[in-house]
N, C-alpha and C. Protein backbone atom coordinates (compact mmCIF):
# COMPACT_ATOMS: atom_id res chain seq x y z
N MET A 1 -24.51 34.28 51.38
CA MET A 1 -23.10 34.11 51.20
C MET A 1 -22.51 35.48 50.94
N THR A 2 -21.43 35.77 51.63
CA THR A 2 -20.79 37.08 51.51
C THR A 2 -19.87 37.09 50.29
N ASN A 3 -19.44 38.30 49.95
CA ASN A 3 -18.52 38.44 48.81
C ASN A 3 -17.20 37.74 49.10
N LYS A 4 -16.77 37.77 50.38
CA LYS A 4 -15.52 37.12 50.77
C LYS A 4 -15.63 35.60 50.57
N ASP A 5 -16.79 35.04 50.96
CA ASP A 5 -17.01 33.60 50.77
C ASP A 5 -17.02 33.24 49.28
N LYS A 6 -17.66 34.10 48.47
CA LYS A 6 -17.70 33.85 47.03
C LYS A 6 -16.30 33.90 46.44
N SER A 7 -15.49 34.84 46.90
CA SER A 7 -14.12 34.97 46.39
C SER A 7 -13.30 33.75 46.75
N GLN A 8 -13.45 33.26 47.99
CA GLN A 8 -12.71 32.07 48.41
C GLN A 8 -13.16 30.85 47.60
N GLU A 9 -14.46 30.74 47.38
CA GLU A 9 -14.99 29.62 46.61
C GLU A 9 -14.47 29.65 45.17
N THR A 10 -14.44 30.84 44.58
CA THR A 10 -13.92 31.01 43.21
C THR A 10 -12.44 30.65 43.16
N ALA A 11 -11.69 31.07 44.16
CA ALA A 11 -10.25 30.77 44.22
C ALA A 11 -10.02 29.27 44.34
N GLN A 12 -10.84 28.60 45.16
CA GLN A 12 -10.70 27.15 45.32
C GLN A 12 -11.04 26.43 44.00
N ALA A 13 -12.08 26.88 43.33
CA ALA A 13 -12.47 26.26 42.06
C ALA A 13 -11.37 26.44 41.01
N THR A 14 -10.77 27.63 40.99
CA THR A 14 -9.67 27.90 40.05
C THR A 14 -8.48 27.01 40.35
N GLU A 15 -8.17 26.85 41.64
CA GLU A 15 -7.06 25.99 42.06
C GLU A 15 -7.30 24.55 41.64
N GLN A 16 -8.54 24.07 41.83
CA GLN A 16 -8.87 22.69 41.45
C GLN A 16 -8.74 22.49 39.94
N THR A 17 -9.20 23.48 39.18
CA THR A 17 -9.10 23.40 37.72
C THR A 17 -7.64 23.35 37.30
N GLU A 18 -6.80 24.19 37.91
CA GLU A 18 -5.37 24.20 37.58
C GLU A 18 -4.72 22.88 37.95
N ASP A 19 -5.13 22.31 39.11
CA ASP A 19 -4.58 21.03 39.54
C ASP A 19 -4.98 19.92 38.55
N GLN A 20 -6.20 20.00 38.04
CA GLN A 20 -6.66 18.99 37.08
C GLN A 20 -5.97 19.15 35.72
N GLU A 21 -5.68 20.38 35.33
CA GLU A 21 -5.06 20.62 34.03
C GLU A 21 -3.57 20.31 34.03
N GLN A 22 -2.92 20.36 35.19
CA GLN A 22 -1.48 20.16 35.25
C GLN A 22 -1.05 18.80 34.69
N PRO A 23 -1.70 17.68 35.04
CA PRO A 23 -1.28 16.41 34.44
C PRO A 23 -1.43 16.39 32.91
N TRP A 24 -2.47 17.06 32.42
CA TRP A 24 -2.66 17.12 30.96
C TRP A 24 -1.53 17.92 30.31
N ASP A 25 -1.19 19.04 30.92
CA ASP A 25 -0.10 19.85 30.38
C ASP A 25 1.20 19.07 30.36
N GLU A 26 1.46 18.32 31.44
CA GLU A 26 2.69 17.52 31.51
C GLU A 26 2.67 16.41 30.45
N ALA A 27 1.53 15.77 30.29
CA ALA A 27 1.41 14.69 29.29
C ALA A 27 1.61 15.23 27.88
N LEU A 28 1.02 16.40 27.60
CA LEU A 28 1.19 17.00 26.28
C LEU A 28 2.64 17.37 26.02
N ALA A 29 3.30 17.93 27.02
CA ALA A 29 4.71 18.29 26.87
C ALA A 29 5.55 17.05 26.61
N GLU A 30 5.26 15.97 27.34
CA GLU A 30 6.01 14.72 27.16
C GLU A 30 5.76 14.13 25.77
N ALA A 31 4.51 14.19 25.31
CA ALA A 31 4.19 13.66 23.98
C ALA A 31 4.89 14.46 22.90
N GLU A 32 4.93 15.78 23.04
CA GLU A 32 5.61 16.62 22.05
C GLU A 32 7.10 16.31 22.02
N THR A 33 7.71 16.10 23.19
CA THR A 33 9.13 15.77 23.27
C THR A 33 9.38 14.42 22.61
N THR A 34 8.55 13.43 22.91
CA THR A 34 8.71 12.09 22.33
C THR A 34 8.55 12.15 20.81
N HIS A 35 7.55 12.91 20.34
CA HIS A 35 7.33 13.04 18.90
C HIS A 35 8.53 13.70 18.23
N SER A 36 9.06 14.75 18.83
CA SER A 36 10.23 15.43 18.26
C SER A 36 11.42 14.50 18.19
N GLU A 37 11.63 13.69 19.24
CA GLU A 37 12.75 12.74 19.24
C GLU A 37 12.55 11.68 18.16
N THR A 38 11.32 11.20 18.00
CA THR A 38 11.03 10.18 16.99
C THR A 38 11.30 10.72 15.60
N VAL A 39 10.85 11.94 15.32
CA VAL A 39 11.07 12.55 14.01
C VAL A 39 12.56 12.73 13.77
N ALA A 40 13.29 13.18 14.78
CA ALA A 40 14.73 13.38 14.63
C ALA A 40 15.43 12.06 14.39
N ASN A 41 15.05 11.01 15.12
CA ASN A 41 15.68 9.70 14.95
C ASN A 41 15.36 9.11 13.58
N SER A 42 14.12 9.25 13.13
CA SER A 42 13.75 8.65 11.84
C SER A 42 14.42 9.38 10.69
N ALA A 43 14.73 10.65 10.87
CA ALA A 43 15.41 11.39 9.81
C ALA A 43 16.85 10.92 9.65
N THR A 44 17.43 10.39 10.71
CA THR A 44 18.82 9.95 10.63
C THR A 44 18.96 8.52 10.15
N LYS A 45 17.90 7.71 10.23
CA LYS A 45 17.96 6.32 9.78
C LYS A 45 17.75 6.27 8.28
N PRO A 46 18.41 5.32 7.60
CA PRO A 46 18.18 5.19 6.16
C PRO A 46 16.76 4.75 5.86
N ALA A 47 16.26 5.16 4.72
CA ALA A 47 14.90 4.81 4.31
C ALA A 47 14.73 3.31 4.12
N MET A 48 15.81 2.60 3.87
CA MET A 48 15.73 1.15 3.67
C MET A 48 15.19 0.44 4.91
N ASN A 49 15.44 0.98 6.09
CA ASN A 49 14.91 0.35 7.31
C ASN A 49 13.39 0.33 7.28
N ASP A 50 12.78 1.35 6.69
CA ASP A 50 11.32 1.39 6.57
C ASP A 50 10.84 0.29 5.63
N LEU A 51 11.61 0.02 4.58
CA LEU A 51 11.23 -1.03 3.64
C LEU A 51 11.29 -2.41 4.27
N ASP A 52 12.15 -2.60 5.26
CA ASP A 52 12.24 -3.89 5.93
C ASP A 52 10.90 -4.31 6.54
N LEU A 53 10.08 -3.34 6.89
CA LEU A 53 8.79 -3.63 7.51
C LEU A 53 7.83 -4.33 6.55
N ILE A 54 8.01 -4.12 5.25
CA ILE A 54 7.06 -4.68 4.29
C ILE A 54 7.63 -5.82 3.45
N MET A 55 8.87 -6.18 3.65
CA MET A 55 9.53 -7.17 2.80
C MET A 55 8.88 -8.55 2.82
N ASP A 56 8.20 -8.93 3.86
CA ASP A 56 7.60 -10.26 3.96
C ASP A 56 6.12 -10.30 3.61
N ILE A 57 5.58 -9.18 3.11
CA ILE A 57 4.17 -9.16 2.72
C ILE A 57 4.02 -9.87 1.38
N PRO A 58 3.16 -10.89 1.31
CA PRO A 58 3.00 -11.62 0.04
C PRO A 58 2.20 -10.80 -0.98
N VAL A 59 2.59 -10.93 -2.25
CA VAL A 59 1.86 -10.31 -3.35
C VAL A 59 1.58 -11.38 -4.39
N LYS A 60 0.58 -11.16 -5.21
CA LYS A 60 0.21 -12.13 -6.25
C LYS A 60 0.88 -11.73 -7.56
N LEU A 61 1.76 -12.61 -8.07
CA LEU A 61 2.39 -12.39 -9.36
C LEU A 61 1.70 -13.28 -10.37
N SER A 62 1.27 -12.69 -11.48
CA SER A 62 0.65 -13.49 -12.54
C SER A 62 1.20 -13.05 -13.89
N VAL A 63 1.17 -13.97 -14.83
CA VAL A 63 1.65 -13.71 -16.18
C VAL A 63 0.46 -13.86 -17.11
N GLU A 64 0.26 -12.87 -17.95
CA GLU A 64 -0.92 -12.84 -18.81
C GLU A 64 -0.52 -13.08 -20.27
N LEU A 65 -1.10 -14.11 -20.86
CA LEU A 65 -0.84 -14.43 -22.27
C LEU A 65 -1.53 -13.44 -23.20
N GLY A 66 -2.72 -13.04 -22.85
CA GLY A 66 -3.51 -12.13 -23.67
C GLY A 66 -4.92 -12.04 -23.11
N ARG A 67 -5.73 -11.26 -23.80
CA ARG A 67 -7.11 -11.07 -23.36
C ARG A 67 -8.03 -11.12 -24.57
N THR A 68 -9.28 -11.32 -24.30
CA THR A 68 -10.31 -11.23 -25.33
C THR A 68 -11.65 -11.00 -24.65
N LYS A 69 -12.62 -10.58 -25.43
CA LYS A 69 -13.98 -10.44 -24.92
C LYS A 69 -14.85 -11.45 -25.64
N ILE A 70 -15.68 -12.11 -24.88
CA ILE A 70 -16.63 -13.06 -25.47
C ILE A 70 -18.00 -12.79 -24.87
N THR A 71 -19.01 -13.26 -25.56
CA THR A 71 -20.37 -13.10 -25.07
C THR A 71 -20.69 -14.23 -24.09
N ILE A 72 -21.74 -14.05 -23.36
CA ILE A 72 -22.20 -15.10 -22.44
C ILE A 72 -22.52 -16.37 -23.23
N LYS A 73 -23.11 -16.20 -24.41
CA LYS A 73 -23.45 -17.36 -25.25
C LYS A 73 -22.18 -18.14 -25.60
N GLN A 74 -21.12 -17.40 -26.02
CA GLN A 74 -19.86 -18.07 -26.37
C GLN A 74 -19.26 -18.76 -25.15
N LEU A 75 -19.38 -18.12 -24.01
CA LEU A 75 -18.86 -18.70 -22.77
C LEU A 75 -19.55 -20.02 -22.47
N LEU A 76 -20.87 -20.04 -22.61
CA LEU A 76 -21.64 -21.25 -22.32
C LEU A 76 -21.38 -22.36 -23.33
N GLU A 77 -20.94 -21.99 -24.52
CA GLU A 77 -20.65 -22.98 -25.56
C GLU A 77 -19.25 -23.60 -25.42
N LEU A 78 -18.42 -23.07 -24.52
CA LEU A 78 -17.07 -23.61 -24.36
C LEU A 78 -17.14 -25.04 -23.84
N ALA A 79 -16.29 -25.87 -24.41
CA ALA A 79 -16.23 -27.28 -23.99
C ALA A 79 -14.76 -27.71 -24.04
N GLN A 80 -14.49 -28.89 -23.54
CA GLN A 80 -13.13 -29.40 -23.58
C GLN A 80 -12.67 -29.45 -25.04
N GLY A 81 -11.50 -28.89 -25.31
CA GLY A 81 -10.97 -28.84 -26.67
C GLY A 81 -11.27 -27.54 -27.39
N SER A 82 -12.14 -26.68 -26.83
CA SER A 82 -12.44 -25.39 -27.45
C SER A 82 -11.17 -24.54 -27.45
N VAL A 83 -11.03 -23.72 -28.47
CA VAL A 83 -9.89 -22.80 -28.56
C VAL A 83 -10.43 -21.38 -28.51
N VAL A 84 -9.87 -20.57 -27.62
CA VAL A 84 -10.27 -19.17 -27.50
C VAL A 84 -9.11 -18.33 -28.01
N GLU A 85 -9.39 -17.49 -29.01
CA GLU A 85 -8.35 -16.64 -29.58
C GLU A 85 -8.13 -15.43 -28.68
N LEU A 86 -6.86 -15.16 -28.38
CA LEU A 86 -6.49 -14.03 -27.53
C LEU A 86 -5.89 -12.92 -28.38
N ASP A 87 -5.83 -11.72 -27.83
CA ASP A 87 -5.27 -10.60 -28.58
C ASP A 87 -3.74 -10.60 -28.62
N GLY A 88 -3.10 -11.39 -27.78
CA GLY A 88 -1.64 -11.46 -27.78
C GLY A 88 -1.14 -12.27 -28.96
N LEU A 89 -0.01 -11.86 -29.53
CA LEU A 89 0.57 -12.56 -30.67
C LEU A 89 1.61 -13.56 -30.20
N ALA A 90 1.77 -14.64 -30.96
CA ALA A 90 2.79 -15.64 -30.63
C ALA A 90 4.17 -14.97 -30.69
N GLY A 91 4.99 -15.23 -29.70
CA GLY A 91 6.32 -14.64 -29.65
C GLY A 91 6.36 -13.26 -29.02
N GLU A 92 5.22 -12.69 -28.77
CA GLU A 92 5.14 -11.37 -28.14
C GLU A 92 5.41 -11.50 -26.65
N PRO A 93 6.07 -10.51 -26.03
CA PRO A 93 6.33 -10.60 -24.58
C PRO A 93 5.03 -10.70 -23.79
N MET A 94 5.10 -11.46 -22.70
CA MET A 94 3.95 -11.63 -21.81
C MET A 94 3.94 -10.51 -20.78
N ASP A 95 2.74 -10.11 -20.35
CA ASP A 95 2.62 -9.10 -19.30
C ASP A 95 2.79 -9.77 -17.94
N ILE A 96 3.61 -9.16 -17.08
CA ILE A 96 3.82 -9.64 -15.71
C ILE A 96 3.11 -8.66 -14.80
N LEU A 97 2.17 -9.19 -14.03
CA LEU A 97 1.36 -8.34 -13.16
C LEU A 97 1.61 -8.68 -11.69
N ILE A 98 1.63 -7.65 -10.87
CA ILE A 98 1.68 -7.81 -9.41
C ILE A 98 0.36 -7.27 -8.88
N ASN A 99 -0.39 -8.14 -8.22
CA ASN A 99 -1.72 -7.78 -7.70
C ASN A 99 -2.58 -7.10 -8.76
N GLY A 100 -2.46 -7.58 -10.02
CA GLY A 100 -3.28 -7.06 -11.09
C GLY A 100 -2.71 -5.85 -11.82
N TYR A 101 -1.56 -5.33 -11.39
CA TYR A 101 -0.97 -4.15 -12.01
C TYR A 101 0.26 -4.54 -12.82
N LEU A 102 0.32 -4.08 -14.06
CA LEU A 102 1.43 -4.38 -14.95
C LEU A 102 2.71 -3.76 -14.41
N ILE A 103 3.74 -4.58 -14.23
CA ILE A 103 5.02 -4.06 -13.74
C ILE A 103 6.19 -4.40 -14.66
N ALA A 104 5.98 -5.41 -15.54
CA ALA A 104 7.08 -5.82 -16.41
C ALA A 104 6.54 -6.66 -17.55
N GLN A 105 7.44 -6.98 -18.48
CA GLN A 105 7.13 -7.91 -19.55
C GLN A 105 8.25 -8.93 -19.62
N GLY A 106 7.92 -10.11 -20.14
CA GLY A 106 8.94 -11.14 -20.21
C GLY A 106 8.58 -12.22 -21.20
N GLU A 107 9.48 -13.19 -21.32
CA GLU A 107 9.27 -14.31 -22.23
C GLU A 107 9.19 -15.61 -21.44
N VAL A 108 8.39 -16.51 -21.94
CA VAL A 108 8.18 -17.79 -21.27
C VAL A 108 9.41 -18.66 -21.46
N VAL A 109 9.83 -19.32 -20.37
CA VAL A 109 10.93 -20.28 -20.41
C VAL A 109 10.47 -21.55 -19.71
N VAL A 110 11.17 -22.64 -19.96
CA VAL A 110 10.87 -23.91 -19.29
C VAL A 110 12.04 -24.24 -18.39
N LEU A 111 11.76 -24.47 -17.10
CA LEU A 111 12.78 -24.81 -16.10
C LEU A 111 12.38 -26.11 -15.44
N ASP A 112 13.16 -27.17 -15.67
CA ASP A 112 12.88 -28.47 -15.04
C ASP A 112 11.41 -28.87 -15.21
N ASP A 113 10.94 -28.86 -16.42
CA ASP A 113 9.56 -29.25 -16.75
C ASP A 113 8.49 -28.33 -16.17
N LYS A 114 8.88 -27.13 -15.77
CA LYS A 114 7.91 -26.14 -15.28
C LYS A 114 8.09 -24.86 -16.08
N TYR A 115 7.01 -24.13 -16.22
CA TYR A 115 7.09 -22.84 -16.90
C TYR A 115 7.69 -21.80 -15.97
N GLY A 116 8.38 -20.86 -16.57
CA GLY A 116 8.92 -19.72 -15.84
C GLY A 116 8.81 -18.50 -16.74
N ILE A 117 9.24 -17.37 -16.25
CA ILE A 117 9.21 -16.14 -17.05
C ILE A 117 10.53 -15.41 -16.87
N ARG A 118 11.15 -15.06 -17.98
CA ARG A 118 12.39 -14.27 -17.96
C ARG A 118 11.99 -12.82 -18.21
N ILE A 119 12.31 -11.96 -17.27
CA ILE A 119 11.94 -10.55 -17.39
C ILE A 119 12.82 -9.91 -18.46
N THR A 120 12.16 -9.28 -19.42
CA THR A 120 12.88 -8.62 -20.50
C THR A 120 12.78 -7.10 -20.42
N GLU A 121 11.76 -6.62 -19.72
CA GLU A 121 11.57 -5.18 -19.62
C GLU A 121 10.78 -4.84 -18.36
N ILE A 122 11.25 -3.85 -17.63
CA ILE A 122 10.51 -3.33 -16.48
C ILE A 122 9.72 -2.12 -16.96
N VAL A 123 8.45 -2.09 -16.65
CA VAL A 123 7.60 -0.98 -17.07
C VAL A 123 7.86 0.21 -16.16
N THR A 124 8.09 1.38 -16.75
CA THR A 124 8.36 2.58 -15.96
C THR A 124 7.08 3.04 -15.26
N PRO A 125 7.23 3.77 -14.16
CA PRO A 125 6.03 4.26 -13.46
C PRO A 125 5.12 5.09 -14.37
N SER A 126 5.69 5.91 -15.25
CA SER A 126 4.84 6.72 -16.14
C SER A 126 4.06 5.84 -17.11
N GLU A 127 4.68 4.75 -17.61
CA GLU A 127 3.96 3.82 -18.48
C GLU A 127 2.84 3.12 -17.72
N ARG A 128 3.09 2.79 -16.46
CA ARG A 128 2.05 2.14 -15.64
C ARG A 128 0.84 3.05 -15.50
N VAL A 129 1.10 4.34 -15.26
CA VAL A 129 0.00 5.30 -15.09
C VAL A 129 -0.77 5.43 -16.40
N GLN A 130 -0.06 5.48 -17.53
CA GLN A 130 -0.74 5.58 -18.83
C GLN A 130 -1.65 4.39 -19.06
N LYS A 131 -1.19 3.19 -18.72
CA LYS A 131 -1.99 1.98 -18.94
C LYS A 131 -3.20 1.93 -18.00
N LEU A 132 -3.09 2.57 -16.82
CA LEU A 132 -4.23 2.61 -15.90
C LEU A 132 -5.35 3.49 -16.45
N ASN A 133 -4.98 4.50 -17.22
CA ASN A 133 -5.97 5.45 -17.75
C ASN A 133 -6.72 4.93 -18.96
N ARG A 134 -6.40 3.75 -19.46
CA ARG A 134 -7.07 3.19 -20.64
C ARG A 134 -8.44 2.69 -20.30
């Protein structure tokens, strides 16, 4: 093979590589443009629109009267009519938990023969963090 043939072969290979890379370059340019437009559009929309995406996600709300620790022996001795003493005091606000995390406190109310909870205090984020560290 002569040098001229090698040069032509190299030129053809370079051309093929450039032809193969061109669609990738175009796709990358299009993706960057689309991303820039998306970022610009999302910056102009109110943040509340983002919250709309999660508004229908169910969470578990529970109200906690109190807690205590018992031994396995005490647990096995429990029977109908047994009374377990809790650390919460009568008349003390109940803890309101969302998915196990304290978010508020409230008092028990009765609504149409059912229990309910009236929120008396919302726990601040800093208080929530402090309680997590216990």
